[in-house]
Amino acid sequence: MIPSVQLIPGALSEMIATVAETKVLTRADRYGLMAALLDESLSEEELEATNRLVRAVLKGRVKVLDRISVEV
């Protein structure tokens, strides 16, 4: 049995906005992205935004860091 995953309201849009600004995807962001993809209640808009983020990583426009957060 897979445990239920629920996102904090607004967490996905906040993460996507932060990644768009910093051009960096952290380990914490990846866990948030994983939770978003496992959440079966994503809206079409949220799913499209998640897909855009994944494409940006694949195209090299967003750097993936093995750190919990980006140091400002």
PDB file of N, CA and C in Angstrom:
ATOM      1  N   MET A   1       0.842  -1.181   0.000  1.00  0.00           N
ATOM      2  CA  MET A   1       0.000   0.000   0.000  1.00  0.00           C
ATOM      3  C   MET A   1       0.892   1.252   0.000  1.00  0.00           C
ATOM      4  N   ILE A   2       0.603   2.176  -0.906  1.00  0.00           N
ATOM      5  CA  ILE A   2       1.364   3.418  -1.019  1.00  0.00           C
ATOM      6  C   ILE A   2       0.743   4.451  -0.089  1.00  0.00           C
ATOM      7  N   PRO A   3       1.577   5.108   0.755  1.00  0.00           N
ATOM      8  CA  PRO A   3       1.025   6.122   1.657  1.00  0.00           C
ATOM      9  C   PRO A   3       0.448   7.304   0.880  1.00  0.00           C
ATOM     10  N   SER A   4      -0.546   7.927   1.442  1.00  0.00           N
ATOM     11  CA  SER A   4      -1.171   9.097   0.841  1.00  0.00           C
ATOM     12  C   SER A   4      -0.228  10.292   0.896  1.00  0.00           C
ATOM     13  N   VAL A   5      -0.183  11.048  -0.195  1.00  0.00           N
ATOM     14  CA  VAL A   5       0.664  12.244  -0.264  1.00  0.00           C
ATOM     15  C   VAL A   5      -0.244  13.433  -0.484  1.00  0.00           C
ATOM     16  N   GLN A   6      -0.081  14.446   0.348  1.00  0.00           N
ATOM     17  CA  GLN A   6      -0.870  15.663   0.173  1.00  0.00           C
ATOM     18  C   GLN A   6       0.066  16.855   0.200  1.00  0.00           C
ATOM     19  N   LEU A   7      -0.087  17.709  -0.775  1.00  0.00           N
ATOM     20  CA  LEU A   7       0.733  18.912  -0.869  1.00  0.00           C
ATOM     21  C   LEU A   7       0.159  20.018   0.000  1.00  0.00           C
ATOM     22  N   ILE A   8       1.030  20.853   0.481  1.00  0.00           N
ATOM     23  CA  ILE A   8       0.593  22.064   1.170  1.00  0.00           C
ATOM     24  C   ILE A   8       0.023  22.995   0.094  1.00  0.00           C
ATOM     25  N   PRO A   9      -1.142  23.569   0.318  1.00  0.00           N
ATOM     26  CA  PRO A   9      -1.720  24.458  -0.694  1.00  0.00           C
ATOM     27  C   PRO A   9      -0.746  25.576  -1.088  1.00  0.00           C
ATOM     28  N   GLY A  10      -0.544  25.731  -2.381  1.00  0.00           N
ATOM     29  CA  GLY A  10       0.350  26.766  -2.888  1.00  0.00           C
ATOM     30  C   GLY A  10       1.814  26.361  -2.946  1.00  0.00           C
ATOM     31  N   ALA A  11       2.163  25.187  -2.417  1.00  0.00           N
ATOM     32  CA  ALA A  11       3.568  24.778  -2.365  1.00  0.00           C
ATOM     33  C   ALA A  11       4.145  24.560  -3.757  1.00  0.00           C
ATOM     34  N   LEU A  12       3.377  23.953  -4.635  1.00  0.00           N
ATOM     35  CA  LEU A  12       3.882  23.680  -5.976  1.00  0.00           C
ATOM     36  C   LEU A  12       4.139  24.968  -6.743  1.00  0.00           C
ATOM     37  N   SER A  13       3.203  25.887  -6.714  1.00  0.00           N
ATOM     38  CA  SER A  13       3.390  27.153  -7.441  1.00  0.00           C
ATOM     39  C   SER A  13       4.540  27.963  -6.851  1.00  0.00           C
ATOM     40  N   GLU A  14       4.704  27.917  -5.535  1.00  0.00           N
ATOM     41  CA  GLU A  14       5.816  28.616  -4.891  1.00  0.00           C
ATOM     42  C   GLU A  14       7.153  28.008  -5.312  1.00  0.00           C
ATOM     43  N   MET A  15       7.218  26.681  -5.342  1.00  0.00           N
ATOM     44  CA  MET A  15       8.443  26.014  -5.746  1.00  0.00           C
ATOM     45  C   MET A  15       8.793  26.340  -7.194  1.00  0.00           C
ATOM     46  N   ILE A  16       7.812  26.291  -8.070  1.00  0.00           N
ATOM     47  CA  ILE A  16       8.048  26.572  -9.482  1.00  0.00           C
ATOM     48  C   ILE A  16       8.500  28.014  -9.666  1.00  0.00           C
ATOM     49  N   ALA A  17       7.906  28.947  -8.941  1.00  0.00           N
ATOM     50  CA  ALA A  17       8.319  30.355  -9.028  1.00  0.00           C
ATOM     51  C   ALA A  17       9.758  30.532  -8.546  1.00  0.00           C
ATOM     52  N   THR A  18      10.122  29.856  -7.466  1.00  0.00           N
ATOM     53  CA  THR A  18      11.476  29.952  -6.932  1.00  0.00           C
ATOM     54  C   THR A  18      12.490  29.364  -7.906  1.00  0.00           C
ATOM     55  N   VAL A  19      12.172  28.213  -8.478  1.00  0.00           N
ATOM     56  CA  VAL A  19      13.077  27.584  -9.441  1.00  0.00           C
ATOM     57  C   VAL A  19      13.209  28.460 -10.684  1.00  0.00           C
ATOM     58  N   ALA A  20      12.133  29.075 -11.130  1.00  0.00           N
ATOM     59  CA  ALA A  20      12.192  29.964 -12.290  1.00  0.00           C
ATOM     60  C   ALA A  20      13.102  31.156 -12.016  1.00  0.00           C
ATOM     61  N   GLU A  21      13.091  31.634 -10.794  1.00  0.00           N
ATOM     62  CA  GLU A  21      13.921  32.786 -10.420  1.00  0.00           C
ATOM     63  C   GLU A  21      15.392  32.403 -10.257  1.00  0.00           C
ATOM     64  N   THR A  22      15.648  31.288  -9.584  1.00  0.00           N
ATOM     65  CA  THR A  22      17.031  30.906  -9.265  1.00  0.00           C
ATOM     66  C   THR A  22      17.682  30.034 -10.337  1.00  0.00           C
ATOM     67  N   LYS A  23      16.856  29.404 -11.182  1.00  0.00           N
ATOM     68  CA  LYS A  23      17.342  28.450 -12.193  1.00  0.00           C
ATOM     69  C   LYS A  23      18.046  27.262 -11.553  1.00  0.00           C
ATOM     70  N   VAL A  24      17.650  26.915 -10.326  1.00  0.00           N
ATOM     71  CA  VAL A  24      18.248  25.821  -9.564  1.00  0.00           C
ATOM     72  C   VAL A  24      17.137  24.969  -8.956  1.00  0.00           C
ATOM     73  N   LEU A  25      17.293  23.656  -9.081  1.00  0.00           N
ATOM     74  CA  LEU A  25      16.368  22.705  -8.477  1.00  0.00           C
ATOM     75  C   LEU A  25      17.130  21.977  -7.373  1.00  0.00           C
ATOM     76  N   THR A  26      16.718  22.172  -6.139  1.00  0.00           N
ATOM     77  CA  THR A  26      17.414  21.579  -4.994  1.00  0.00           C
ATOM     78  C   THR A  26      16.827  20.202  -4.669  1.00  0.00           C
ATOM     79  N   ARG A  27      17.445  19.522  -3.733  1.00  0.00           N
ATOM     80  CA  ARG A  27      16.935  18.222  -3.290  1.00  0.00           C
ATOM     81  C   ARG A  27      15.536  18.384  -2.693  1.00  0.00           C
ATOM     82  N   ALA A  28      15.334  19.427  -1.910  1.00  0.00           N
ATOM     83  CA  ALA A  28      14.008  19.668  -1.325  1.00  0.00           C
ATOM     84  C   ALA A  28      12.980  19.916  -2.425  1.00  0.00           C
ATOM     85  N   ASP A  29      13.369  20.645  -3.467  1.00  0.00           N
ATOM     86  CA  ASP A  29      12.466  20.875  -4.593  1.00  0.00           C
ATOM     87  C   ASP A  29      12.120  19.567  -5.287  1.00  0.00           C
ATOM     88  N   ARG A  30      13.102  18.690  -5.432  1.00  0.00           N
ATOM     89  CA  ARG A  30      12.849  17.407  -6.080  1.00  0.00           C
ATOM     90  C   ARG A  30      11.861  16.569  -5.281  1.00  0.00           C
ATOM     91  N   TYR A  31      11.994  16.596  -3.948  1.00  0.00           N
ATOM     92  CA  TYR A  31      11.016  15.880  -3.120  1.00  0.00           C
ATOM     93  C   TYR A  31       9.630  16.489  -3.271  1.00  0.00           C
ATOM     94  N   GLY A  32       9.558  17.810  -3.352  1.00  0.00           N
ATOM     95  CA  GLY A  32       8.274  18.477  -3.576  1.00  0.00           C
ATOM     96  C   GLY A  32       7.691  18.118  -4.929  1.00  0.00           C
ATOM     97  N   LEU A  33       8.553  18.038  -5.932  1.00  0.00           N
ATOM     98  CA  LEU A  33       8.113  17.658  -7.268  1.00  0.00           C
ATOM     99  C   LEU A  33       7.610  16.219  -7.280  1.00  0.00           C
ATOM    100  N   MET A  34       8.316  15.341  -6.586  1.00  0.00           N
ATOM    101  CA  MET A  34       7.888  13.948  -6.483  1.00  0.00           C
ATOM    102  C   MET A  34       6.519  13.864  -5.804  1.00  0.00           C
ATOM    103  N   ALA A  35       6.339  14.610  -4.727  1.00  0.00           N
ATOM    104  CA  ALA A  35       5.053  14.615  -4.029  1.00  0.00           C
ATOM    105  C   ALA A  35       3.954  15.136  -4.949  1.00  0.00           C
ATOM    106  N   ALA A  36       4.274  16.155  -5.732  1.00  0.00           N
ATOM    107  CA  ALA A  36       3.280  16.714  -6.647  1.00  0.00           C
ATOM    108  C   ALA A  36       2.867  15.683  -7.694  1.00  0.00           C
ATOM    109  N   LEU A  37       3.831  14.957  -8.205  1.00  0.00           N
ATOM    110  CA  LEU A  37       3.515  13.966  -9.230  1.00  0.00           C
ATOM    111  C   LEU A  37       2.740  12.785  -8.668  1.00  0.00           C
ATOM    112  N   LEU A  38       2.944  12.485  -7.390  1.00  0.00           N
ATOM    113  CA  LEU A  38       2.207  11.393  -6.756  1.00  0.00           C
ATOM    114  C   LEU A  38       0.808  11.813  -6.316  1.00  0.00           C
ATOM    115  N   ASP A  39       0.584  13.118  -6.238  1.00  0.00           N
ATOM    116  CA  ASP A  39      -0.718  13.643  -5.829  1.00  0.00           C
ATOM    117  C   ASP A  39      -1.683  13.520  -7.002  1.00  0.00           C
ATOM    118  N   GLU A  40      -2.695  12.730  -6.857  1.00  0.00           N
ATOM    119  CA  GLU A  40      -3.633  12.491  -7.946  1.00  0.00           C
ATOM    120  C   GLU A  40      -4.667  13.591  -8.105  1.00  0.00           C
ATOM    121  N   SER A  41      -4.564  14.642  -7.304  1.00  0.00           N
ATOM    122  CA  SER A  41      -5.560  15.712  -7.381  1.00  0.00           C
ATOM    123  C   SER A  41      -5.010  16.983  -8.034  1.00  0.00           C
ATOM    124  N   LEU A  42      -3.874  16.882  -8.738  1.00  0.00           N
ATOM    125  CA  LEU A  42      -3.316  18.059  -9.403  1.00  0.00           C
ATOM    126  C   LEU A  42      -4.271  18.552 -10.484  1.00  0.00           C
ATOM    127  N   SER A  43      -4.364  19.864 -10.583  1.00  0.00           N
ATOM    128  CA  SER A  43      -5.159  20.445 -11.659  1.00  0.00           C
ATOM    129  C   SER A  43      -4.367  20.324 -12.966  1.00  0.00           C
ATOM    130  N   GLU A  44      -5.048  20.525 -14.073  1.00  0.00           N
ATOM    131  CA  GLU A  44      -4.386  20.486 -15.381  1.00  0.00           C
ATOM    132  C   GLU A  44      -3.287  21.547 -15.451  1.00  0.00           C
ATOM    133  N   GLU A  45      -3.552  22.712 -14.892  1.00  0.00           N
ATOM    134  CA  GLU A  45      -2.568  23.804 -14.882  1.00  0.00           C
ATOM    135  C   GLU A  45      -1.323  23.422 -14.074  1.00  0.00           C
ATOM    136  N   GLU A  46      -1.523  22.804 -12.920  1.00  0.00           N
ATOM    137  CA  GLU A  46      -0.392  22.382 -12.086  1.00  0.00           C
ATOM    138  C   GLU A  46       0.413  21.282 -12.773  1.00  0.00           C
ATOM    139  N   LEU A  47      -0.268  20.376 -13.442  1.00  0.00           N
ATOM    140  CA  LEU A  47       0.416  19.306 -14.155  1.00  0.00           C
ATOM    141  C   LEU A  47       1.243  19.867 -15.312  1.00  0.00           C
ATOM    142  N   GLU A  48       0.704  20.826 -16.027  1.00  0.00           N
ATOM    143  CA  GLU A  48       1.439  21.461 -17.122  1.00  0.00           C
ATOM    144  C   GLU A  48       2.655  22.216 -16.604  1.00  0.00           C
ATOM    145  N   ALA A  49       2.512  22.917 -15.486  1.00  0.00           N
ATOM    146  CA  ALA A  49       3.640  23.640 -14.899  1.00  0.00           C
ATOM    147  C   ALA A  49       4.734  22.674 -14.457  1.00  0.00           C
ATOM    148  N   THR A  50       4.339  21.551 -13.891  1.00  0.00           N
ATOM    149  CA  THR A  50       5.298  20.529 -13.479  1.00  0.00           C
ATOM    150  C   THR A  50       6.023  19.969 -14.693  1.00  0.00           C
ATOM    151  N   ASN A  51       5.306  19.713 -15.749  1.00  0.00           N
ATOM    152  CA  ASN A  51       5.923  19.215 -16.981  1.00  0.00           C
ATOM    153  C   ASN A  51       6.900  20.227 -17.570  1.00  0.00           C
ATOM    154  N   ARG A  52       6.557  21.513 -17.526  1.00  0.00           N
ATOM    155  CA  ARG A  52       7.473  22.555 -18.022  1.00  0.00           C
ATOM    156  C   ARG A  52       8.764  22.570 -17.213  1.00  0.00           C
ATOM    157  N   LEU A  53       8.631  22.398 -15.904  1.00  0.00           N
ATOM    158  CA  LEU A  53       9.802  22.382 -15.034  1.00  0.00           C
ATOM    159  C   LEU A  53      10.705  21.199 -15.371  1.00  0.00           C
ATOM    160  N   VAL A  54      10.126  20.037 -15.566  1.00  0.00           N
ATOM    161  CA  VAL A  54      10.913  18.853 -15.922  1.00  0.00           C
ATOM    162  C   VAL A  54      11.601  19.059 -17.273  1.00  0.00           C
ATOM    163  N   ARG A  55      10.907  19.625 -18.242  1.00  0.00           N
ATOM    164  CA  ARG A  55      11.529  19.902 -19.548  1.00  0.00           C
ATOM    165  C   ARG A  55      12.669  20.892 -19.421  1.00  0.00           C
ATOM    166  N   ALA A  56      12.521  21.902 -18.569  1.00  0.00           N
ATOM    167  CA  ALA A  56      13.593  22.882 -18.364  1.00  0.00           C
ATOM    168  C   ALA A  56      14.845  22.207 -17.794  1.00  0.00           C
ATOM    169  N   VAL A  57      14.652  21.249 -16.890  1.00  0.00           N
ATOM    170  CA  VAL A  57      15.785  20.499 -16.344  1.00  0.00           C
ATOM    171  C   VAL A  57      16.434  19.681 -17.453  1.00  0.00           C
ATOM    172  N   LEU A  58      15.632  18.975 -18.228  1.00  0.00           N
ATOM    173  CA  LEU A  58      16.159  18.127 -19.294  1.00  0.00           C
ATOM    174  C   LEU A  58      16.920  18.926 -20.350  1.00  0.00           C
ATOM    175  N   LYS A  59      16.475  20.150 -20.610  1.00  0.00           N
ATOM    176  CA  LYS A  59      17.134  20.992 -21.610  1.00  0.00           C
ATOM    177  C   LYS A  59      18.323  21.753 -21.042  1.00  0.00           C
ATOM    178  N   GLY A  60      18.560  21.620 -19.746  1.00  0.00           N
ATOM    179  CA  GLY A  60      19.717  22.270 -19.136  1.00  0.00           C
ATOM    180  C   GLY A  60      19.492  23.713 -18.729  1.00  0.00           C
ATOM    181  N   ARG A  61      18.267  24.189 -18.787  1.00  0.00           N
ATOM    182  CA  ARG A  61      17.980  25.570 -18.388  1.00  0.00           C
ATOM    183  C   ARG A  61      17.890  25.706 -16.876  1.00  0.00           C
ATOM    184  N   VAL A  62      17.688  24.596 -16.183  1.00  0.00           N
ATOM    185  CA  VAL A  62      17.639  24.577 -14.721  1.00  0.00           C
ATOM    186  C   VAL A  62      18.688  23.591 -14.239  1.00  0.00           C
ATOM    187  N   LYS A  63      19.524  24.041 -13.319  1.00  0.00           N
ATOM    188  CA  LYS A  63      20.598  23.214 -12.778  1.00  0.00           C
ATOM    189  C   LYS A  63      20.075  22.427 -11.569  1.00  0.00           C
ATOM    190  N   VAL A  64      20.428  21.153 -11.488  1.00  0.00           N
ATOM    191  CA  VAL A  64      20.018  20.305 -10.377  1.00  0.00           C
ATOM    192  C   VAL A  64      21.164  20.236  -9.368  1.00  0.00           C
ATOM    193  N   LEU A  65      20.890  20.647  -8.136  1.00  0.00           N
ATOM    194  CA  LEU A  65      21.898  20.613  -7.072  1.00  0.00           C
ATOM    195  C   LEU A  65      21.566  19.530  -6.068  1.00  0.00           C
ATOM    196  N   ASP A  66      22.600  18.920  -5.509  1.00  0.00           N
ATOM    197  CA  ASP A  66      22.392  17.907  -4.472  1.00  0.00           C
ATOM    198  C   ASP A  66      22.514  18.559  -3.092  1.00  0.00           C
ATOM    199  N   ARG A  67      21.812  19.672  -2.930  1.00  0.00           N
ATOM    200  CA  ARG A  67      21.751  20.374  -1.653  1.00  0.00           C
ATOM    201  C   ARG A  67      20.293  20.551  -1.285  1.00  0.00           C
ATOM    202  N   ILE A  68      20.055  20.718   0.004  1.00  0.00           N
ATOM    203  CA  ILE A  68      18.676  20.895   0.480  1.00  0.00           C
ATOM    204  C   ILE A  68      18.102  22.233   0.041  1.00  0.00           C
ATOM    205  N   SER A  69      18.915  23.281   0.056  1.00  0.00           N
ATOM    206  CA  SER A  69      18.409  24.608  -0.318  1.00  0.00           C
ATOM    207  C   SER A  69      19.484  25.395  -1.042  1.00  0.00           C
ATOM    208  N   VAL A  70      19.053  26.470  -1.667  1.00  0.00           N
ATOM    209  CA  VAL A  70      19.966  27.377  -2.360  1.00  0.00           C
ATOM    210  C   VAL A  70      20.387  28.441  -1.363  1.00  0.00           C
ATOM    211  N   GLU A  71      21.676  28.645  -1.232  1.00  0.00           N
ATOM    212  CA  GLU A  71      22.171  29.696  -0.330  1.00  0.00           C
ATOM    213  C   GLU A  71      22.044  31.028  -1.027  1.00  0.00           C
ATOM    214  N   VAL A  72      21.371  31.947  -0.371  1.00  0.00           N
ATOM    215  CA  VAL A  72      21.114  33.264  -0.959  1.00  0.00           C
ATOM    216  C   VAL A  72      22.181  34.232  -0.553  1.00  0.00           C
TER     217      VAL A  72
END
